[in-house]
PDB file of N, CA and C in Angstrom:
ATOM      1  N   MET A   1     157.115  78.469  79.618  1.00  0.00           N
ATOM      2  CA  MET A   1     156.364  78.935  78.568  1.00  0.00           C
ATOM      3  C   MET A   1     155.693  77.586  78.065  1.00  0.00           C
ATOM      4  N   LEU A   2     156.187  76.457  78.226  1.00  0.00           N
ATOM      5  CA  LEU A   2     155.495  75.351  77.804  1.00  0.00           C
ATOM      6  C   LEU A   2     154.370  75.239  78.531  1.00  0.00           C
ATOM      7  N   PHE A   3     154.166  75.273  79.758  1.00  0.00           N
ATOM      8  CA  PHE A   3     152.921  75.145  80.633  1.00  0.00           C
ATOM      9  C   PHE A   3     151.959  75.906  80.150  1.00  0.00           C
ATOM     10  N   LEU A   4     152.475  77.276  79.913  1.00  0.00           N
ATOM     11  CA  LEU A   4     151.522  78.277  79.438  1.00  0.00           C
ATOM     12  C   LEU A   4     150.728  77.828  78.124  1.00  0.00           C
ATOM     13  N   LEU A   5     151.751  77.289  77.126  1.00  0.00           N
ATOM     14  CA  LEU A   5     151.200  76.837  75.699  1.00  0.00           C
ATOM     15  C   LEU A   5     150.439  75.808  75.763  1.00  0.00           C
ATOM     16  N   LEU A   6     150.597  74.855  76.802  1.00  0.00           N
ATOM     17  CA  LEU A   6     149.783  73.682  77.233  1.00  0.00           C
ATOM     18  C   LEU A   6     148.495  74.080  77.744  1.00  0.00           C
ATOM     19  N   GLY A   7     148.524  75.102  78.384  1.00  0.00           N
ATOM     20  CA  GLY A   7     147.080  75.311  79.055  1.00  0.00           C
ATOM     21  C   GLY A   7     146.487  76.062  78.107  1.00  0.00           C
ATOM     22  N   ILE A   8     146.827  76.998  77.387  1.00  0.00           N
ATOM     23  CA  ILE A   8     146.057  77.705  76.165  1.00  0.00           C
ATOM     24  C   ILE A   8     145.504  76.543  75.313  1.00  0.00           C
ATOM     25  N   ALA A   9     146.253  75.519  75.044  1.00  0.00           N
ATOM     26  CA  ALA A   9     145.761  74.503  73.939  1.00  0.00           C
ATOM     27  C   ALA A   9     144.634  73.663  74.657  1.00  0.00           C
ATOM     28  N   LEU A  10     144.830  73.371  76.068  1.00  0.00           N
ATOM     29  CA  LEU A  10     143.790  72.532  76.501  1.00  0.00           C
ATOM     30  C   LEU A  10     142.418  73.598  76.864  1.00  0.00           C
ATOM     31  N   LEU A  11     142.668  74.534  77.191  1.00  0.00           N
ATOM     32  CA  LEU A  11     141.500  75.565  77.371  1.00  0.00           C
ATOM     33  C   LEU A  11     140.785  75.614  76.077  1.00  0.00           C
ATOM     34  N   ALA A  12     141.520  75.851  74.879  1.00  0.00           N
ATOM     35  CA  ALA A  12     140.712  76.137  73.552  1.00  0.00           C
ATOM     36  C   ALA A  12     139.907  74.711  73.215  1.00  0.00           C
ATOM     37  N   MET A  13     140.745  73.711  73.525  1.00  0.00           N
ATOM     38  CA  MET A  13     140.032  72.332  73.177  1.00  0.00           C
ATOM     39  C   MET A  13     138.885  72.077  74.179  1.00  0.00           C
ATOM     40  N   LYS A  14     138.858  72.446  75.315  1.00  0.00           N
ATOM     41  CA  LYS A  14     137.689  72.303  76.363  1.00  0.00           C
ATOM     42  C   LYS A  14     136.695  73.390  75.905  1.00  0.00           C
ATOM     43  N   TRP A  15     137.002  74.625  75.337  1.00  0.00           N
ATOM     44  CA  TRP A  15     136.112  75.589  74.958  1.00  0.00           C
ATOM     45  C   TRP A  15     135.214  75.150  73.998  1.00  0.00           C
ATOM     46  N   ILE A  16     135.907  74.542  72.930  1.00  0.00           N
ATOM     47  CA  ILE A  16     135.103  74.330  71.667  1.00  0.00           C
ATOM     48  C   ILE A  16     134.722  72.695  71.721  1.00  0.00           C
ATOM     49  N   GLU A  17     134.927  72.048  72.898  1.00  0.00           N
ATOM     50  CA  GLU A  17     134.605  70.759  73.170  1.00  0.00           C
ATOM     51  C   GLU A  17     135.121  69.703  71.988  1.00  0.00           C
ATOM     52  N   LEU A  18     136.535  69.748  71.854  1.00  0.00           N
ATOM     53  CA  LEU A  18     137.002  68.850  70.739  1.00  0.00           C
ATOM     54  C   LEU A  18     137.981  67.803  71.547  1.00  0.00           C
ATOM     55  N   GLY A  19     137.603  66.522  71.088  1.00  0.00           N
ATOM     56  CA  GLY A  19     138.317  65.457  71.477  1.00  0.00           C
ATOM     57  C   GLY A  19     138.010  65.012  72.946  1.00  0.00           C
ATOM     58  N   PRO A  20     138.771  64.296  73.553  1.00  0.00           N
ATOM     59  CA  PRO A  20     138.522  63.708  75.090  1.00  0.00           C
ATOM     60  C   PRO A  20     138.590  64.824  76.066  1.00  0.00           C
ATOM     61  N   VAL A  21     139.331  66.109  75.767  1.00  0.00           N
ATOM     62  CA  VAL A  21     139.489  67.118  76.783  1.00  0.00           C
ATOM     63  C   VAL A  21     137.935  67.645  77.121  1.00  0.00           C
ATOM     64  N   ALA A  22     136.991  67.474  76.187  1.00  0.00           N
ATOM     65  CA  ALA A  22     135.930  67.908  76.487  1.00  0.00           C
ATOM     66  C   ALA A  22     135.213  67.335  77.708  1.00  0.00           C
ATOM     67  N   THR A  23     135.515  66.193  78.051  1.00  0.00           N
ATOM     68  CA  THR A  23     134.966  65.440  79.303  1.00  0.00           C
ATOM     69  C   THR A  23     135.830  65.620  80.201  1.00  0.00           C
ATOM     70  N   TRP A  24     137.064  66.263  80.343  1.00  0.00           N
ATOM     71  CA  TRP A  24     137.878  66.507  81.598  1.00  0.00           C
ATOM     72  C   TRP A  24     137.291  67.524  82.429  1.00  0.00           C
ATOM     73  N   SER A  25     137.523  67.400  83.618  1.00  0.00           N
ATOM     74  CA  SER A  25     137.222  68.574  84.696  1.00  0.00           C
ATOM     75  C   SER A  25     137.862  69.808  84.329  1.00  0.00           C
ATOM     76  N   TRP A  26     137.405  70.900  84.806  1.00  0.00           N
ATOM     77  CA  TRP A  26     138.163  72.180  84.550  1.00  0.00           C
ATOM     78  C   TRP A  26     139.216  72.189  85.454  1.00  0.00           C
ATOM     79  N   VAL A  27     139.243  71.663  86.643  1.00  0.00           N
ATOM     80  CA  VAL A  27     140.586  71.579  87.307  1.00  0.00           C
ATOM     81  C   VAL A  27     141.679  71.110  86.704  1.00  0.00           C
ATOM     82  N   LEU A  28     141.472  69.994  85.915  1.00  0.00           N
ATOM     83  CA  LEU A  28     142.472  69.361  84.954  1.00  0.00           C
ATOM     84  C   LEU A  28     142.959  70.074  83.958  1.00  0.00           C
ATOM     85  N   VAL A  29     141.999  70.917  83.304  1.00  0.00           N
ATOM     86  CA  VAL A  29     142.363  71.618  82.229  1.00  0.00           C
ATOM     87  C   VAL A  29     142.986  72.920  82.598  1.00  0.00           C
ATOM     88  N   LEU A  30     142.603  73.386  83.735  1.00  0.00           N
ATOM     89  CA  LEU A  30     143.292  74.661  84.257  1.00  0.00           C
ATOM     90  C   LEU A  30     144.829  74.592  85.011  1.00  0.00           C
ATOM     91  N   SER A  31     144.925  73.231  85.314  1.00  0.00           N
ATOM     92  CA  SER A  31     146.302  72.867  86.017  1.00  0.00           C
ATOM     93  C   SER A  31     147.522  73.454  85.288  1.00  0.00           C
ATOM     94  N   PRO A  32     147.660  73.465  84.094  1.00  0.00           N
ATOM     95  CA  PRO A  32     148.992  73.874  83.640  1.00  0.00           C
ATOM     96  C   PRO A  32     149.280  75.379  83.835  1.00  0.00           C
ATOM     97  N   PHE A  33     148.165  76.163  84.035  1.00  0.00           N
ATOM     98  CA  PHE A  33     148.251  77.542  84.459  1.00  0.00           C
ATOM     99  C   PHE A  33     148.986  77.739  85.877  1.00  0.00           C
ATOM    100  N   ALA A  34     148.452  76.919  86.618  1.00  0.00           N
ATOM    101  CA  ALA A  34     148.928  76.825  88.151  1.00  0.00           C
ATOM    102  C   ALA A  34     150.496  76.263  88.147  1.00  0.00           C
ATOM    103  N   CYS A  35     150.896  75.351  87.181  1.00  0.00           N
ATOM    104  CA  CYS A  35     152.180  74.935  87.149  1.00  0.00           C
ATOM    105  C   CYS A  35     153.092  76.070  86.633  1.00  0.00           C
ATOM    106  N   ALA A  36     152.458  76.907  85.722  1.00  0.00           N
ATOM    107  CA  ALA A  36     153.370  77.920  84.806  1.00  0.00           C
ATOM    108  C   ALA A  36     153.452  78.939  86.140  1.00  0.00           C
ATOM    109  N   MET A  37     152.471  79.315  87.023  1.00  0.00           N
ATOM    110  CA  MET A  37     152.735  80.150  88.123  1.00  0.00           C
ATOM    111  C   MET A  37     153.636  79.707  89.026  1.00  0.00           C
ATOM    112  N   ALA A  38     153.679  78.506  89.374  1.00  0.00           N
ATOM    113  CA  ALA A  38     154.533  77.760  90.374  1.00  0.00           C
ATOM    114  C   ALA A  38     156.019  77.991  89.701  1.00  0.00           C
ATOM    115  N   TRP A  39     156.087  77.631  88.594  1.00  0.00           N
ATOM    116  CA  TRP A  39     157.460  77.883  87.994  1.00  0.00           C
ATOM    117  C   TRP A  39     158.031  79.203  87.991  1.00  0.00           C
ATOM    118  N   TRP A  40     157.272  80.239  87.651  1.00  0.00           N
ATOM    119  CA  TRP A  40     157.727  81.566  87.602  1.00  0.00           C
ATOM    120  C   TRP A  40     157.904  82.122  88.797  1.00  0.00           C
ATOM    121  N   ALA A  41     157.169  81.751  89.975  1.00  0.00           N
ATOM    122  CA  ALA A  41     157.532  82.094  91.343  1.00  0.00           C
ATOM    123  C   ALA A  41     158.791  81.561  91.703  1.00  0.00           C
ATOM    124  N   TRP A  42     159.243  80.263  91.511  1.00  0.00           N
ATOM    125  CA  TRP A  42     160.311  79.597  91.720  1.00  0.00           C
ATOM    126  C   TRP A  42     161.616  80.231  90.991  1.00  0.00           C
ATOM    127  N   ALA A  43     161.446  80.456  89.675  1.00  0.00           N
ATOM    128  CA  ALA A  43     162.431  81.097  88.958  1.00  0.00           C
ATOM    129  C   ALA A  43     162.722  82.518  89.481  1.00  0.00           C
ATOM    130  N   ASP A  44     161.756  83.230  89.944  1.00  0.00           N
ATOM    131  CA  ASP A  44     162.119  84.618  90.259  1.00  0.00           C
ATOM    132  C   ASP A  44     162.738  84.442  91.718  1.00  0.00           C
ATOM    133  N   SER A  45     162.342  83.705  92.584  1.00  0.00           N
ATOM    134  CA  SER A  45     162.761  83.536  94.112  1.00  0.00           C
ATOM    135  C   SER A  45     164.209  82.968  94.053  1.00  0.00           C
ATOM    136  N   SER A  46     164.433  82.113  92.993  1.00  0.00           N
ATOM    137  CA  SER A  46     165.705  81.514  93.212  1.00  0.00           C
ATOM    138  C   SER A  46     166.862  82.279  92.434  1.00  0.00           C
ATOM    139  N   GLY A  47     166.471  83.240  91.802  1.00  0.00           N
ATOM    140  CA  GLY A  47     167.538  84.105  90.941  1.00  0.00           C
ATOM    141  C   GLY A  47     167.937  83.479  89.609  1.00  0.00           C
ATOM    142  N   TYR A  48     167.148  82.523  89.285  1.00  0.00           N
ATOM    143  CA  TYR A  48     167.467  81.817  88.125  1.00  0.00           C
ATOM    144  C   TYR A  48     167.115  82.629  86.849  1.00  0.00           C
ATOM    145  N   THR A  49     166.114  83.436  86.771  1.00  0.00           N
ATOM    146  CA  THR A  49     165.929  84.515  85.699  1.00  0.00           C
ATOM    147  C   THR A  49     167.049  85.531  85.578  1.00  0.00           C
ATOM    148  N   ALA A  50     167.361  86.056  86.882  1.00  0.00           N
ATOM    149  CA  ALA A  50     168.460  87.117  86.889  1.00  0.00           C
ATOM    150  C   ALA A  50     169.739  86.475  86.238  1.00  0.00           C
ATOM    151  N   ARG A  51     170.060  85.112  86.695  1.00  0.00           N
ATOM    152  CA  ARG A  51     171.238  84.530  86.184  1.00  0.00           C
ATOM    153  C   ARG A  51     171.285  84.369  84.669  1.00  0.00           C
ATOM    154  N   LYS A  52     170.257  83.890  84.300  1.00  0.00           N
ATOM    155  CA  LYS A  52     170.103  83.775  82.511  1.00  0.00           C
ATOM    156  C   LYS A  52     170.154  85.163  81.931  1.00  0.00           C
ATOM    157  N   GLU A  53     169.450  85.912  82.427  1.00  0.00           N
ATOM    158  CA  GLU A  53     169.531  87.488  81.769  1.00  0.00           C
ATOM    159  C   GLU A  53     171.020  87.961  81.770  1.00  0.00           C
ATOM    160  N   MET A  54     171.858  87.827  83.013  1.00  0.00           N
ATOM    161  CA  MET A  54     173.006  88.268  82.987  1.00  0.00           C
ATOM    162  C   MET A  54     173.976  87.355  82.098  1.00  0.00           C
ATOM    163  N   GLU A  55     173.693  86.211  82.000  1.00  0.00           N
ATOM    164  CA  GLU A  55     174.597  85.329  80.916  1.00  0.00           C
ATOM    165  C   GLU A  55     174.452  85.880  79.454  1.00  0.00           C
ATOM    166  N   ARG A  56     173.052  85.890  79.175  1.00  0.00           N
ATOM    167  CA  ARG A  56     172.835  86.438  77.695  1.00  0.00           C
ATOM    168  C   ARG A  56     173.406  87.843  77.606  1.00  0.00           C
ATOM    169  N   GLU A  57     173.298  88.682  78.595  1.00  0.00           N
ATOM    170  CA  GLU A  57     174.129  90.063  78.534  1.00  0.00           C
ATOM    171  C   GLU A  57     175.500  89.830  78.219  1.00  0.00           C
ATOM    172  N   GLN A  58     176.238  89.177  79.207  1.00  0.00           N
ATOM    173  CA  GLN A  58     177.651  88.882  79.002  1.00  0.00           C
ATOM    174  C   GLN A  58     178.038  88.291  77.662  1.00  0.00           C
ATOM    175  N   ALA A  59     177.183  87.470  77.057  1.00  0.00           N
ATOM    176  CA  ALA A  59     177.519  86.877  75.671  1.00  0.00           C
ATOM    177  C   ALA A  59     177.331  87.885  74.759  1.00  0.00           C
ATOM    178  N   ARG A  60     176.379  88.788  74.664  1.00  0.00           N
ATOM    179  CA  ARG A  60     176.195  89.978  73.895  1.00  0.00           C
ATOM    180  C   ARG A  60     177.411  90.972  73.664  1.00  0.00           C
ATOM    181  N   THR A  61     177.800  91.092  74.973  1.00  0.00           N
ATOM    182  CA  THR A  61     178.954  91.924  75.295  1.00  0.00           C
ATOM    183  C   THR A  61     180.255  91.479  74.694  1.00  0.00           C
ATOM    184  N   LYS A  62     180.530  90.111  74.974  1.00  0.00           N
ATOM    185  CA  LYS A  62     181.747  89.405  74.394  1.00  0.00           C
ATOM    186  C   LYS A  62     181.637  89.392  72.815  1.00  0.00           C
ATOM    187  N   ALA A  63     180.601  89.091  72.297  1.00  0.00           N
ATOM    188  CA  ALA A  63     180.286  89.112  70.848  1.00  0.00           C
ATOM    189  C   ALA A  63     180.507  90.408  70.239  1.00  0.00           C
ATOM    190  N   ARG A  64     180.239  91.416  70.847  1.00  0.00           N
ATOM    191  CA  ARG A  64     180.340  92.773  70.431  1.00  0.00           C
ATOM    192  C   ARG A  64     181.811  93.079  70.519  1.00  0.00           C
ATOM    193  N   ILE A  65     182.402  92.974  71.532  1.00  0.00           N
ATOM    194  CA  ILE A  65     183.984  93.181  71.763  1.00  0.00           C
ATOM    195  C   ILE A  65     184.633  92.449  70.553  1.00  0.00           C
ATOM    196  N   ASP A  66     184.484  91.050  70.587  1.00  0.00           N
ATOM    197  CA  ASP A  66     185.257  90.401  69.569  1.00  0.00           C
ATOM    198  C   ASP A  66     184.896  90.921  68.133  1.00  0.00           C
ATOM    199  N   LYS A  67     183.818  91.248  67.682  1.00  0.00           N
ATOM    200  CA  LYS A  67     183.444  91.762  66.345  1.00  0.00           C
ATOM    201  C   LYS A  67     184.195  92.911  66.247  1.00  0.00           C
ATOM    202  N   HIS A  68     184.324  93.805  67.156  1.00  0.00           N
ATOM    203  CA  HIS A  68     185.245  95.112  66.964  1.00  0.00           C
ATOM    204  C   HIS A  68     186.830  94.889  66.863  1.00  0.00           C
ATOM    205  N   ARG A  69     187.009  94.024  67.748  1.00  0.00           N
ATOM    206  CA  ARG A  69     188.590  93.411  67.623  1.00  0.00           C
ATOM    207  C   ARG A  69     188.829  92.804  66.288  1.00  0.00           C
ATOM    208  N   GLU A  70     187.963  92.037  65.782  1.00  0.00           N
ATOM    209  CA  GLU A  70     188.244  91.460  64.584  1.00  0.00           C
ATOM    210  C   GLU A  70     188.430  92.664  63.333  1.00  0.00           C
ATOM    211  N   ASN A  71     187.445  93.492  63.593  1.00  0.00           N
ATOM    212  CA  ASN A  71     187.257  94.799  62.546  1.00  0.00           C
ATOM    213  C   ASN A  71     188.548  95.640  62.485  1.00  0.00           C
ATOM    214  N   ILE A  72     189.266  95.711  63.541  1.00  0.00           N
ATOM    215  CA  ILE A  72     190.463  96.494  63.715  1.00  0.00           C
ATOM    216  C   ILE A  72     191.716  95.558  63.606  1.00  0.00           C
ATOM    217  N   GLY A  73     191.569  94.211  63.437  1.00  0.00           N
ATOM    218  CA  GLY A  73     192.643  93.429  63.269  1.00  0.00           C
ATOM    219  C   GLY A  73     193.383  92.948  64.340  1.00  0.00           C
ATOM    220  N   THR A  74     192.847  93.097  65.660  1.00  0.00           N
ATOM    221  CA  THR A  74     193.526  92.487  66.817  1.00  0.00           C
ATOM    222  C   THR A  74     193.320  91.314  67.215  1.00  0.00           C
ATOM    223  N   ILE A  75     192.462  90.603  66.563  1.00  0.00           N
ATOM    224  CA  ILE A  75     192.063  89.142  66.905  1.00  0.00           C
ATOM    225  C   ILE A  75     192.308  88.064  65.702  1.00  0.00           C
ATOM    226  N   ASN A  76     192.916  86.985  66.262  1.00  0.00           N
ATOM    227  CA  ASN A  76     193.160  86.014  64.958  1.00  0.00           C
ATOM    228  C   ASN A  76     191.946  85.431  64.503  1.00  0.00           C
ATOM    229  N   THR A  77     191.600  85.529  63.156  1.00  0.00           N
ATOM    230  CA  THR A  77     190.242  84.803  62.864  1.00  0.00           C
ATOM    231  C   THR A  77     190.451  83.392  62.199  1.00  0.00           C
ATOM    232  N   GLY A  78     191.730  83.014  62.342  1.00  0.00           N
ATOM    233  CA  GLY A  78     191.934  81.526  61.802  1.00  0.00           C
ATOM    234  C   GLY A  78     192.655  81.661  60.320  1.00  0.00           C
ATOM    235  N   LYS A  79     192.405  82.765  59.861  1.00  0.00           N
ATOM    236  CA  LYS A  79     193.171  82.877  58.583  1.00  0.00           C
ATOM    237  C   LYS A  79     194.654  83.317  58.370  1.00  0.00           C
ATOM    238  N   ARG A  80     195.323  82.431  57.749  1.00  0.00           N
ATOM    239  CA  ARG A  80     196.863  82.884  57.781  1.00  0.00           C
ATOM    240  C   ARG A  80     197.171  84.019  56.754  1.00  0.00           C
ATOM    241  N   LYS A  81     197.885  84.968  57.161  1.00  0.00           N
ATOM    242  CA  LYS A  81     198.139  85.912  56.011  1.00  0.00           C
ATOM    243  C   LYS A  81     199.628  85.515  55.491  1.00  0.00           C
ATOM    244  N   LYS A  82     199.974  85.519  54.223  1.00  0.00           N
ATOM    245  CA  LYS A  82     200.834  85.220  53.651  1.00  0.00           C
ATOM    246  C   LYS A  82     201.687  86.398  53.161  1.00  0.00           C
TER     247      LYS A  82
END
C-alpha cells in the first residue's frame, strides 16, 4: 500500500509540476507502481496474503469465543469474587 500511495503522490506532483519531481523522468515517477505490482505478485504467490487473512480470522474467532465465555461466566476475567 505504501508503494501505491507514494506512486499517487509522485504522479500528482509530476502532473501539477510541483517541486523537483517536475524534472524527473516518467520512468522514475511511475516506478512505485511497478514495485507495488511486484509486491502483490510475490504476496499472492508465496501465500503471504492468505496466511495473514487466516491469522485475522482466527483472532476474530478467538475474541468472539472469549467474549461469549466471559458473558456466561466461564472465563476468569481477573476479578476476584468475595
